[in-house]
Structure formats: structure tokens, C-alpha cells
Amino acid sequence: MTDLDGNGLLDILIGDNQGYVELYEQTTANGPAFSRVDTDLFKVRLGTYAAPVVSDIDGDGLLNVLVDL
């Protein structure tokens, strides 16, 4: 979990059983609930239960997304 869009709410990327990666965002700061965000971020079928990871891989201060299929 990380704040991908800088709005103070945590985001989660989850691979679903249809092969898509879904984006979920915290509904309130420091709250336990998340809701699915309707976005065109990942509209390509990557593989069933794809496993996305978000990290600054190259140390440039920007987050990178890697997806294990």
C-alpha cells in the first residue's frame, strides 16, 4: 500500500481473476475501508491474479510498477 496519487489516502493494486489489475483507494485517511476506483490505469488483461508491486526501483524518486504474471 502506498499513496500513488499524492492525495493523502493509501492505494492498493490488486490482480483479479479476469486478468486485470484493479486500483483501490482508502475511503478516509487512516481508515480501514477501501473502495474500487474506476480508472483506465490498467485496461489490458495481464494474466489471472497478476501480482503488482509498487516501488522506486531505480532510486529516481518516482514510483515504478512491476507486475508478476
PDB file of N, CA and C in Angstrom:
ATOM      1  N   MET A   1       0.838  -1.178   0.000  1.00  0.00           N
ATOM      2  CA  MET A   1       0.000   0.000   0.000  1.00  0.00           C
ATOM      3  C   MET A   1       0.883   1.241   0.000  1.00  0.00           C
ATOM      4  N   THR A   2       0.516   2.183  -0.833  1.00  0.00           N
ATOM      5  CA  THR A   2       1.219   3.457  -0.887  1.00  0.00           C
ATOM      6  C   THR A   2       0.273   4.506  -1.467  1.00  0.00           C
ATOM      7  N   ASP A   3       0.580   5.763  -1.262  1.00  0.00           N
ATOM      8  CA  ASP A   3      -0.231   6.849  -1.809  1.00  0.00           C
ATOM      9  C   ASP A   3       0.276   7.147  -3.215  1.00  0.00           C
ATOM     10  N   LEU A   4      -0.349   6.550  -4.207  1.00  0.00           N
ATOM     11  CA  LEU A   4       0.107   6.687  -5.590  1.00  0.00           C
ATOM     12  C   LEU A   4      -0.164   8.063  -6.187  1.00  0.00           C
ATOM     13  N   ASP A   5      -1.237   8.708  -5.767  1.00  0.00           N
ATOM     14  CA  ASP A   5      -1.622   9.972  -6.396  1.00  0.00           C
ATOM     15  C   ASP A   5      -1.412  11.205  -5.517  1.00  0.00           C
ATOM     16  N   GLY A   6      -0.781  11.039  -4.359  1.00  0.00           N
ATOM     17  CA  GLY A   6      -0.429  12.167  -3.508  1.00  0.00           C
ATOM     18  C   GLY A   6      -1.593  12.864  -2.831  1.00  0.00           C
ATOM     19  N   ASN A   7      -2.723  12.174  -2.650  1.00  0.00           N
ATOM     20  CA  ASN A   7      -3.885  12.806  -2.034  1.00  0.00           C
ATOM     21  C   ASN A   7      -4.038  12.485  -0.544  1.00  0.00           C
ATOM     22  N   GLY A   8      -3.046  11.824   0.050  1.00  0.00           N
ATOM     23  CA  GLY A   8      -3.093  11.503   1.468  1.00  0.00           C
ATOM     24  C   GLY A   8      -3.835  10.224   1.807  1.00  0.00           C
ATOM     25  N   LEU A   9      -4.343   9.506   0.795  1.00  0.00           N
ATOM     26  CA  LEU A   9      -5.043   8.242   1.001  1.00  0.00           C
ATOM     27  C   LEU A   9      -4.219   7.108   0.402  1.00  0.00           C
ATOM     28  N   LEU A  10      -4.156   5.984   1.105  1.00  0.00           N
ATOM     29  CA  LEU A  10      -3.398   4.844   0.608  1.00  0.00           C
ATOM     30  C   LEU A  10      -4.105   4.193  -0.573  1.00  0.00           C
ATOM     31  N   ASP A  11      -3.337   3.682  -1.505  1.00  0.00           N
ATOM     32  CA  ASP A  11      -3.854   2.982  -2.674  1.00  0.00           C
ATOM     33  C   ASP A  11      -3.337   1.554  -2.676  1.00  0.00           C
ATOM     34  N   ILE A  12      -4.125   0.641  -3.240  1.00  0.00           N
ATOM     35  CA  ILE A  12      -3.740  -0.763  -3.373  1.00  0.00           C
ATOM     36  C   ILE A  12      -3.996  -1.188  -4.814  1.00  0.00           C
ATOM     37  N   LEU A  13      -3.051  -1.893  -5.406  1.00  0.00           N
ATOM     38  CA  LEU A  13      -3.237  -2.502  -6.720  1.00  0.00           C
ATOM     39  C   LEU A  13      -3.424  -3.998  -6.506  1.00  0.00           C
ATOM     40  N   ILE A  14      -4.510  -4.555  -7.071  1.00  0.00           N
ATOM     41  CA  ILE A  14      -4.830  -5.968  -6.875  1.00  0.00           C
ATOM     42  C   ILE A  14      -5.135  -6.608  -8.226  1.00  0.00           C
ATOM     43  N   GLY A  15      -4.520  -7.754  -8.501  1.00  0.00           N
ATOM     44  CA  GLY A  15      -4.836  -8.516  -9.699  1.00  0.00           C
ATOM     45  C   GLY A  15      -6.078  -9.347  -9.470  1.00  0.00           C
ATOM     46  N   ASP A  16      -7.040  -9.297 -10.408  1.00  0.00           N
ATOM     47  CA  ASP A  16      -8.270 -10.061 -10.226  1.00  0.00           C
ATOM     48  C   ASP A  16      -8.254 -11.357 -11.045  1.00  0.00           C
ATOM     49  N   ASN A  17      -9.327 -12.142 -10.916  1.00  0.00           N
ATOM     50  CA  ASN A  17      -9.375 -13.441 -11.581  1.00  0.00           C
ATOM     51  C   ASN A  17      -9.668 -13.338 -13.078  1.00  0.00           C
ATOM     52  N   GLN A  18      -9.928 -12.142 -13.588  1.00  0.00           N
ATOM     53  CA  GLN A  18     -10.151 -11.940 -15.018  1.00  0.00           C
ATOM     54  C   GLN A  18      -8.885 -11.477 -15.735  1.00  0.00           C
ATOM     55  N   GLY A  19      -7.818 -11.235 -14.991  1.00  0.00           N
ATOM     56  CA  GLY A  19      -6.552 -10.828 -15.597  1.00  0.00           C
ATOM     57  C   GLY A  19      -6.294  -9.336 -15.580  1.00  0.00           C
ATOM     58  N   TYR A  20      -7.153  -8.567 -14.926  1.00  0.00           N
ATOM     59  CA  TYR A  20      -6.988  -7.117 -14.854  1.00  0.00           C
ATOM     60  C   TYR A  20      -6.415  -6.711 -13.497  1.00  0.00           C
ATOM     61  N   VAL A  21      -5.726  -5.578 -13.458  1.00  0.00           N
ATOM     62  CA  VAL A  21      -5.251  -5.011 -12.204  1.00  0.00           C
ATOM     63  C   VAL A  21      -6.220  -3.900 -11.818  1.00  0.00           C
ATOM     64  N   GLU A  22      -6.773  -3.993 -10.617  1.00  0.00           N
ATOM     65  CA  GLU A  22      -7.737  -3.019 -10.113  1.00  0.00           C
ATOM     66  C   GLU A  22      -7.063  -2.101  -9.098  1.00  0.00           C
ATOM     67  N   LEU A  23      -7.492  -0.840  -9.073  1.00  0.00           N
ATOM     68  CA  LEU A  23      -6.984   0.149  -8.132  1.00  0.00           C
ATOM     69  C   LEU A  23      -8.033   0.382  -7.060  1.00  0.00           C
ATOM     70  N   TYR A  24      -7.625   0.258  -5.795  1.00  0.00           N
ATOM     71  CA  TYR A  24      -8.485   0.552  -4.650  1.00  0.00           C
ATOM     72  C   TYR A  24      -7.842   1.676  -3.863  1.00  0.00           C
ATOM     73  N   GLU A  25      -8.673   2.550  -3.276  1.00  0.00           N
ATOM     74  CA  GLU A  25      -8.167   3.681  -2.509  1.00  0.00           C
ATOM     75  C   GLU A  25      -8.886   3.748  -1.171  1.00  0.00           C
ATOM     76  N   GLN A  26      -8.151   4.145  -0.146  1.00  0.00           N
ATOM     77  CA  GLN A  26      -8.714   4.333   1.176  1.00  0.00           C
ATOM     78  C   GLN A  26      -9.869   5.330   1.098  1.00  0.00           C
ATOM     79  N   THR A  27     -10.961   5.057   1.804  1.00  0.00           N
ATOM     80  CA  THR A  27     -12.105   5.959   1.752  1.00  0.00           C
ATOM     81  C   THR A  27     -11.901   7.189   2.643  1.00  0.00           C
ATOM     82  N   THR A  28     -11.162   7.044   3.746  1.00  0.00           N
ATOM     83  CA  THR A  28     -10.803   8.169   4.614  1.00  0.00           C
ATOM     84  C   THR A  28      -9.381   7.965   5.105  1.00  0.00           C
ATOM     85  N   ALA A  29      -8.685   9.057   5.370  1.00  0.00           N
ATOM     86  CA  ALA A  29      -7.308   8.971   5.863  1.00  0.00           C
ATOM     87  C   ALA A  29      -7.269   8.159   7.154  1.00  0.00           C
ATOM     88  N   ASN A  30      -6.311   7.244   7.243  1.00  0.00           N
ATOM     89  CA  ASN A  30      -6.114   6.362   8.398  1.00  0.00           C
ATOM     90  C   ASN A  30      -7.288   5.422   8.650  1.00  0.00           C
ATOM     91  N   GLY A  31      -8.212   5.319   7.706  1.00  0.00           N
ATOM     92  CA  GLY A  31      -9.357   4.434   7.864  1.00  0.00           C
ATOM     93  C   GLY A  31      -9.069   3.036   7.347  1.00  0.00           C
ATOM     94  N   PRO A  32      -9.854   2.037   7.778  1.00  0.00           N
ATOM     95  CA  PRO A  32      -9.638   0.657   7.369  1.00  0.00           C
ATOM     96  C   PRO A  32     -10.331   0.274   6.056  1.00  0.00           C
ATOM     97  N   ALA A  33     -11.219   1.119   5.539  1.00  0.00           N
ATOM     98  CA  ALA A  33     -12.015   0.769   4.365  1.00  0.00           C
ATOM     99  C   ALA A  33     -11.395   1.301   3.072  1.00  0.00           C
ATOM    100  N   PHE A  34     -11.518   0.494   2.016  1.00  0.00           N
ATOM    101  CA  PHE A  34     -11.036   0.861   0.688  1.00  0.00           C
ATOM    102  C   PHE A  34     -12.179   0.672  -0.303  1.00  0.00           C
ATOM    103  N   SER A  35     -12.179   1.473  -1.370  1.00  0.00           N
ATOM    104  CA  SER A  35     -13.173   1.297  -2.423  1.00  0.00           C
ATOM    105  C   SER A  35     -12.470   1.277  -3.770  1.00  0.00           C
ATOM    106  N   ARG A  36     -13.077   0.571  -4.721  1.00  0.00           N
ATOM    107  CA  ARG A  36     -12.500   0.449  -6.057  1.00  0.00           C
ATOM    108  C   ARG A  36     -12.635   1.767  -6.797  1.00  0.00           C
ATOM    109  N   VAL A  37     -11.545   2.162  -7.447  1.00  0.00           N
ATOM    110  CA  VAL A  37     -11.515   3.388  -8.232  1.00  0.00           C
ATOM    111  C   VAL A  37     -11.688   3.009  -9.697  1.00  0.00           C
ATOM    112  N   ASP A  38     -12.673   3.592 -10.354  1.00  0.00           N
ATOM    113  CA  ASP A  38     -12.889   3.332 -11.777  1.00  0.00           C
ATOM    114  C   ASP A  38     -11.887   4.171 -12.559  1.00  0.00           C
ATOM    115  N   THR A  39     -10.904   3.504 -13.130  1.00  0.00           N
ATOM    116  CA  THR A  39      -9.828   4.204 -13.812  1.00  0.00           C
ATOM    117  C   THR A  39      -9.404   3.440 -15.052  1.00  0.00           C
ATOM    118  N   ASP A  40      -8.777   4.112 -15.982  1.00  0.00           N
ATOM    119  CA  ASP A  40      -8.224   3.467 -17.172  1.00  0.00           C
ATOM    120  C   ASP A  40      -6.760   3.094 -16.960  1.00  0.00           C
ATOM    121  N   LEU A  41      -6.335   3.036 -15.708  1.00  0.00           N
ATOM    122  CA  LEU A  41      -4.937   2.764 -15.391  1.00  0.00           C
ATOM    123  C   LEU A  41      -4.447   1.455 -15.989  1.00  0.00           C
ATOM    124  N   PHE A  42      -5.185   0.380 -15.778  1.00  0.00           N
ATOM    125  CA  PHE A  42      -4.791  -0.930 -16.290  1.00  0.00           C
ATOM    126  C   PHE A  42      -5.983  -1.566 -16.996  1.00  0.00           C
ATOM    127  N   LYS A  43      -6.175  -1.312 -18.261  1.00  0.00           N
ATOM    128  CA  LYS A  43      -7.288  -1.892 -19.010  1.00  0.00           C
ATOM    129  C   LYS A  43      -6.818  -3.009 -19.938  1.00  0.00           C
ATOM    130  N   VAL A  44      -5.623  -3.502 -19.715  1.00  0.00           N
ATOM    131  CA  VAL A  44      -5.059  -4.593 -20.503  1.00  0.00           C
ATOM    132  C   VAL A  44      -5.075  -5.848 -19.634  1.00  0.00           C
ATOM    133  N   ARG A  45      -5.542  -6.950 -20.193  1.00  0.00           N
ATOM    134  CA  ARG A  45      -5.532  -8.211 -19.441  1.00  0.00           C
ATOM    135  C   ARG A  45      -4.098  -8.693 -19.331  1.00  0.00           C
ATOM    136  N   LEU A  46      -3.619  -8.792 -18.108  1.00  0.00           N
ATOM    137  CA  LEU A  46      -2.233  -9.166 -17.864  1.00  0.00           C
ATOM    138  C   LEU A  46      -2.065 -10.636 -17.528  1.00  0.00           C
ATOM    139  N   GLY A  47      -3.030 -11.240 -16.934  1.00  0.00           N
ATOM    140  CA  GLY A  47      -2.953 -12.637 -16.525  1.00  0.00           C
ATOM    141  C   GLY A  47      -3.722 -12.825 -15.231  1.00  0.00           C
ATOM    142  N   THR A  48      -4.283 -13.997 -15.054  1.00  0.00           N
ATOM    143  CA  THR A  48      -5.096 -14.267 -13.879  1.00  0.00           C
ATOM    144  C   THR A  48      -4.300 -14.040 -12.604  1.00  0.00           C
ATOM    145  N   TYR A  49      -4.870 -13.250 -11.720  1.00  0.00           N
ATOM    146  CA  TYR A  49      -4.279 -12.917 -10.420  1.00  0.00           C
ATOM    147  C   TYR A  49      -2.874 -12.339 -10.555  1.00  0.00           C
ATOM    148  N   ALA A  50      -2.687 -11.417 -11.501  1.00  0.00           N
ATOM    149  CA  ALA A  50      -1.405 -10.723 -11.646  1.00  0.00           C
ATOM    150  C   ALA A  50      -1.041 -10.083 -10.308  1.00  0.00           C
ATOM    151  N   ALA A  51       0.249 -10.040 -10.016  1.00  0.00           N
ATOM    152  CA  ALA A  51       0.714  -9.531  -8.729  1.00  0.00           C
ATOM    153  C   ALA A  51       1.532  -8.252  -8.913  1.00  0.00           C
ATOM    154  N   PRO A  52       0.878  -7.078  -8.822  1.00  0.00           N
ATOM    155  CA  PRO A  52       1.606  -5.824  -8.987  1.00  0.00           C
ATOM    156  C   PRO A  52       2.379  -5.440  -7.721  1.00  0.00           C
ATOM    157  N   VAL A  53       3.527  -4.820  -7.931  1.00  0.00           N
ATOM    158  CA  VAL A  53       4.353  -4.308  -6.840  1.00  0.00           C
ATOM    159  C   VAL A  53       4.732  -2.878  -7.199  1.00  0.00           C
ATOM    160  N   VAL A  54       4.619  -1.973  -6.224  1.00  0.00           N
ATOM    161  CA  VAL A  54       4.968  -0.571  -6.441  1.00  0.00           C
ATOM    162  C   VAL A  54       6.185  -0.244  -5.591  1.00  0.00           C
ATOM    163  N   SER A  55       7.230   0.285  -6.227  1.00  0.00           N
ATOM    164  CA  SER A  55       8.468   0.635  -5.524  1.00  0.00           C
ATOM    165  C   SER A  55       9.271   1.587  -6.402  1.00  0.00           C
ATOM    166  N   ASP A  56      10.192   2.317  -5.790  1.00  0.00           N
ATOM    167  CA  ASP A  56      11.121   3.145  -6.554  1.00  0.00           C
ATOM    168  C   ASP A  56      12.321   2.264  -6.890  1.00  0.00           C
ATOM    169  N   ILE A  57      12.246   1.566  -7.989  1.00  0.00           N
ATOM    170  CA  ILE A  57      13.242   0.571  -8.374  1.00  0.00           C
ATOM    171  C   ILE A  57      14.602   1.200  -8.672  1.00  0.00           C
ATOM    172  N   ASP A  58      14.613   2.316  -9.393  1.00  0.00           N
ATOM    173  CA  ASP A  58      15.870   2.902  -9.851  1.00  0.00           C
ATOM    174  C   ASP A  58      16.355   4.084  -9.015  1.00  0.00           C
ATOM    175  N   GLY A  59      15.680   4.388  -7.897  1.00  0.00           N
ATOM    176  CA  GLY A  59      16.141   5.426  -6.989  1.00  0.00           C
ATOM    177  C   GLY A  59      16.004   6.844  -7.512  1.00  0.00           C
ATOM    178  N   ASP A  60      15.123   7.083  -8.475  1.00  0.00           N
ATOM    179  CA  ASP A  60      14.973   8.431  -9.034  1.00  0.00           C
ATOM    180  C   ASP A  60      13.876   9.249  -8.358  1.00  0.00           C
ATOM    181  N   GLY A  61      13.268   8.706  -7.297  1.00  0.00           N
ATOM    182  CA  GLY A  61      12.222   9.412  -6.585  1.00  0.00           C
ATOM    183  C   GLY A  61      10.831   9.221  -7.165  1.00  0.00           C
ATOM    184  N   LEU A  62      10.720   8.461  -8.254  1.00  0.00           N
ATOM    185  CA  LEU A  62       9.430   8.179  -8.874  1.00  0.00           C
ATOM    186  C   LEU A  62       9.072   6.711  -8.652  1.00  0.00           C
ATOM    187  N   LEU A  63       7.796   6.445  -8.365  1.00  0.00           N
ATOM    188  CA  LEU A  63       7.367   5.071  -8.154  1.00  0.00           C
ATOM    189  C   LEU A  63       7.259   4.332  -9.474  1.00  0.00           C
ATOM    190  N   ASN A  64       7.677   3.074  -9.474  1.00  0.00           N
ATOM    191  CA  ASN A  64       7.589   2.195 -10.629  1.00  0.00           C
ATOM    192  C   ASN A  64       6.634   1.062 -10.277  1.00  0.00           C
ATOM    193  N   VAL A  65       5.925   0.553 -11.281  1.00  0.00           N
ATOM    194  CA  VAL A  65       5.018  -0.588 -11.069  1.00  0.00           C
ATOM    195  C   VAL A  65       5.567  -1.784 -11.848  1.00  0.00           C
ATOM    196  N   LEU A  66       5.783  -2.875 -11.129  1.00  0.00           N
ATOM    197  CA  LEU A  66       6.181  -4.149 -11.739  1.00  0.00           C
ATOM    198  C   LEU A  66       5.027  -5.111 -11.531  1.00  0.00           C
ATOM    199  N   VAL A  67       4.742  -5.928 -12.561  1.00  0.00           N
ATOM    200  CA  VAL A  67       3.652  -6.892 -12.447  1.00  0.00           C
ATOM    201  C   VAL A  67       4.196  -8.285 -12.731  1.00  0.00           C
ATOM    202  N   ASP A  68       4.041  -9.175 -11.747  1.00  0.00           N
ATOM    203  CA  ASP A  68       4.441 -10.569 -11.898  1.00  0.00           C
ATOM    204  C   ASP A  68       3.246 -11.338 -12.437  1.00  0.00           C
ATOM    205  N   LEU A  69       3.456 -12.060 -13.507  1.00  0.00           N
ATOM    206  CA  LEU A  69       2.357 -12.817 -14.119  1.00  0.00           C
ATOM    207  C   LEU A  69       2.468 -14.285 -13.796  1.00  0.00           C
TER     208      LEU A  69
END
